[in-house]
């Protein structure tokens, strides 16, 4: 199976939800869409749902999802992100 089915943004979105089943993931993303404030997030969700709807449950079960980070966007577990510099 081609592992490049999803863009980085789509895979990161998927990682925010329960990936234990394709059906649950589809329902969870669809349920969350009204809460997305940015149009870009809705576009990412829509394209993700299109891909998920083309997959069989068996194909989905073969996939492994990992959040991807871009350079400085990488999460540092030692950083206290509750503090803000002014």
C-alpha atoms as a PDB file:
ATOM      1  CA  UNK A   1       0.000   0.000   0.000  1.00  0.00           C
ATOM      2  CA  UNK A   2       1.245   3.471  -0.872  1.00  0.00           C
ATOM      3  CA  UNK A   3       2.162   5.165   2.396  1.00  0.00           C
ATOM      4  CA  UNK A   4       1.926   8.586   0.762  1.00  0.00           C
ATOM      5  CA  UNK A   5      -1.875   8.554   0.750  1.00  0.00           C
ATOM      6  CA  UNK A   6      -2.055  11.424   3.215  1.00  0.00           C
ATOM      7  CA  UNK A   7      -0.331  14.785   3.255  1.00  0.00           C
ATOM      8  CA  UNK A   8       1.554  15.799   6.395  1.00  0.00           C
ATOM      9  CA  UNK A   9      -1.371  17.998   7.395  1.00  0.00           C
ATOM     10  CA  UNK A  10      -3.893  15.214   6.862  1.00  0.00           C
ATOM     11  CA  UNK A  11      -1.822  12.734   8.842  1.00  0.00           C
ATOM     12  CA  UNK A  12      -1.436  15.225  11.699  1.00  0.00           C
ATOM     13  CA  UNK A  13      -5.209  15.713  11.718  1.00  0.00           C
ATOM     14  CA  UNK A  14      -5.766  11.948  11.835  1.00  0.00           C
ATOM     15  CA  UNK A  15      -3.367  11.697  14.794  1.00  0.00           C
ATOM     16  CA  UNK A  16      -5.625  14.007  16.799  1.00  0.00           C
ATOM     17  CA  UNK A  17      -8.360  11.352  16.770  1.00  0.00           C
ATOM     18  CA  UNK A  18      -8.870   7.704  17.718  1.00  0.00           C
ATOM     19  CA  UNK A  19      -7.470   5.619  14.870  1.00  0.00           C
ATOM     20  CA  UNK A  20      -8.638   2.245  16.179  1.00  0.00           C
ATOM     21  CA  UNK A  21     -11.182   1.943  13.347  1.00  0.00           C
ATOM     22  CA  UNK A  22     -11.774   3.645  10.014  1.00  0.00           C
ATOM     23  CA  UNK A  23     -15.472   4.151  10.689  1.00  0.00           C
ATOM     24  CA  UNK A  24     -14.900   5.760  14.089  1.00  0.00           C
ATOM     25  CA  UNK A  25     -12.210   8.015  12.630  1.00  0.00           C
ATOM     26  CA  UNK A  26     -14.500   9.138   9.800  1.00  0.00           C
ATOM     27  CA  UNK A  27     -17.321   9.873  12.258  1.00  0.00           C
ATOM     28  CA  UNK A  28     -15.040  11.712  14.702  1.00  0.00           C
ATOM     29  CA  UNK A  29     -13.537  13.966  12.022  1.00  0.00           C
ATOM     30  CA  UNK A  30     -16.978  14.689  10.537  1.00  0.00           C
ATOM     31  CA  UNK A  31     -18.365  15.489  13.999  1.00  0.00           C
ATOM     32  CA  UNK A  32     -15.474  17.869  14.724  1.00  0.00           C
ATOM     33  CA  UNK A  33     -15.663  19.812  11.456  1.00  0.00           C
ATOM     34  CA  UNK A  34     -18.292  22.342  12.621  1.00  0.00           C
ATOM     35  CA  UNK A  35     -15.860  23.362  15.380  1.00  0.00           C
ATOM     36  CA  UNK A  36     -12.996  24.127  12.990  1.00  0.00           C
ATOM     37  CA  UNK A  37     -12.623  27.890  12.813  1.00  0.00           C
ATOM     38  CA  UNK A  38     -10.168  28.032   9.914  1.00  0.00           C
ATOM     39  CA  UNK A  39     -11.348  27.242   6.365  1.00  0.00           C
ATOM     40  CA  UNK A  40      -8.012  25.500   5.725  1.00  0.00           C
ATOM     41  CA  UNK A  41      -8.762  22.998   8.508  1.00  0.00           C
ATOM     42  CA  UNK A  42     -12.117  22.201   6.901  1.00  0.00           C
ATOM     43  CA  UNK A  43     -10.371  21.620   3.568  1.00  0.00           C
ATOM     44  CA  UNK A  44      -7.837  19.300   5.221  1.00  0.00           C
ATOM     45  CA  UNK A  45     -10.643  17.431   6.977  1.00  0.00           C
ATOM     46  CA  UNK A  46     -12.631  17.088   3.749  1.00  0.00           C
ATOM     47  CA  UNK A  47      -9.647  15.736   1.805  1.00  0.00           C
ATOM     48  CA  UNK A  48      -8.851  13.352   4.669  1.00  0.00           C
ATOM     49  CA  UNK A  49     -12.432  12.066   4.702  1.00  0.00           C
ATOM     50  CA  UNK A  50     -12.309  11.486   0.935  1.00  0.00           C
ATOM     51  CA  UNK A  51      -9.223   9.306   1.344  1.00  0.00           C
ATOM     52  CA  UNK A  52     -10.677   7.429   4.322  1.00  0.00           C
ATOM     53  CA  UNK A  53     -13.884   6.740   2.417  1.00  0.00           C
ATOM     54  CA  UNK A  54     -11.946   5.169  -0.472  1.00  0.00           C
ATOM     55  CA  UNK A  55     -10.080   2.763   1.806  1.00  0.00           C
ATOM     56  CA  UNK A  56     -11.414  -0.592   2.903  1.00  0.00           C
ATOM     57  CA  UNK A  57     -11.272  -1.466   6.593  1.00  0.00           C
ATOM     58  CA  UNK A  58      -8.534  -3.970   5.787  1.00  0.00           C
ATOM     59  CA  UNK A  59      -6.427  -1.342   3.980  1.00  0.00           C
ATOM     60  CA  UNK A  60      -6.939   1.077   6.867  1.00  0.00           C
ATOM     61  CA  UNK A  61      -5.774  -1.502   9.405  1.00  0.00           C
ATOM     62  CA  UNK A  62      -2.458  -1.775   7.532  1.00  0.00           C
ATOM     63  CA  UNK A  63      -1.726   1.930   8.001  1.00  0.00           C
ATOM     64  CA  UNK A  64       0.324   3.411  10.815  1.00  0.00           C
ATOM     65  CA  UNK A  65      -0.098   7.073  11.671  1.00  0.00           C
ATOM     66  CA  UNK A  66       2.570   9.269  13.268  1.00  0.00           C
ATOM     67  CA  UNK A  67       2.354  13.036  13.767  1.00  0.00           C
ATOM     68  CA  UNK A  68       4.906  14.890  11.686  1.00  0.00           C
ATOM     69  CA  UNK A  69       6.740  18.002  12.792  1.00  0.00           C
ATOM     70  CA  UNK A  70       8.327  20.720  10.688  1.00  0.00           C
ATOM     71  CA  UNK A  71      11.680  22.019  11.954  1.00  0.00           C
ATOM     72  CA  UNK A  72      10.984  24.591  14.665  1.00  0.00           C
ATOM     73  CA  UNK A  73       7.430  23.321  15.077  1.00  0.00           C
ATOM     74  CA  UNK A  74       8.762  20.174  16.763  1.00  0.00           C
ATOM     75  CA  UNK A  75       7.340  19.680  20.206  1.00  0.00           C
ATOM     76  CA  UNK A  76       9.878  19.859  23.026  1.00  0.00           C
ATOM     77  CA  UNK A  77       8.649  17.989  26.095  1.00  0.00           C
ATOM     78  CA  UNK A  78      10.898  20.095  28.350  1.00  0.00           C
ATOM     79  CA  UNK A  79       9.357  23.405  27.284  1.00  0.00           C
ATOM     80  CA  UNK A  80       6.732  24.941  29.520  1.00  0.00           C
ATOM     81  CA  UNK A  81       4.348  26.323  26.908  1.00  0.00           C
ATOM     82  CA  UNK A  82       2.155  27.984  29.555  1.00  0.00           C
ATOM     83  CA  UNK A  83       4.622  30.862  29.922  1.00  0.00           C
ATOM     84  CA  UNK A  84       4.513  33.785  27.517  1.00  0.00           C
ATOM     85  CA  UNK A  85       7.311  36.255  26.884  1.00  0.00           C
ATOM     86  CA  UNK A  86       6.297  39.888  26.407  1.00  0.00           C
END
